[in-house]
Amino acid sequence: MRALPVGAHGLLLEPDTADEVGALHAELLRRAAAGVLPPVTEIVPAARTVFLDGLDDPRGFAASLATWDIPPLTATDRPAVELPVVYDGPDLTDVAALWGTTPDEVVRRHAATTFHVAFCGFAPGFGYLTGLPEECHVPRRATPRTRVPAGAVALAGPYTGVYPRSSPGGWQLIGRTDAALWDPARENAALLTPGTRVRFVSVDRTRDTERVR
């Protein structure tokens, strides 16, 4: 992987693939929890990079990475969060057409997938979830919506996401959840953090959640 010093104490790591980013992030967290990682103030994963800050010797740490054995990710590496979803989004039929199947089959496949939070961004509490196979990747809408309600479950490119608050957005909306993705009153304000394993659980349409429009 590439290792690029950032300032006096930062290091930007660029593995070759997104899967390797996830594996590296998990290994960094394991070593930090075991107390065998050099002192570091931040470990921040992104789509194709992991950034570390607070290192005393970034170049020395980069050299030591060549000796690491980084195992691939497994489901047991990450805690699981289940999100109840009413699959009645306004773009569900369009997604079914893009997948070449029916809306019911979209729901079945999506709910049967184990997702992982690759990284966070866009808004507080918004996680970019990977897990759908390449044939299920979909484009963003040609015309973004000016308002997507909080709790909307959406697809774009290789990612699934849940809007933590009302905002503009161009993702394909397939459902809605009443889970609180961002709550500053919680010890961990963000429900979905990098490395979290996520399952979507289909619930009845009569569930008392805000309807996606």
Foldseek 3Di string as FASTA:
>chain_A
DDWDDDPQFKIKAFDPAQQVLLLVLLVQVVCVVVVNDADWDDWAFDRGITMTGDHNDRVVVVVCVVVDDGDGDDPVSAAEDEFEKAFDFPQLQVLCVLLVHGSVVVVVVQQVWKWFFSHDDPDVLKTWIATDDQSSADAFAPDKAQWWAFFFWFGHGRTIIGHQGIGIGGTRTGTGTPDRQADPVDPPRGPHHGGHIYGYHYDDPPPPDDDTD
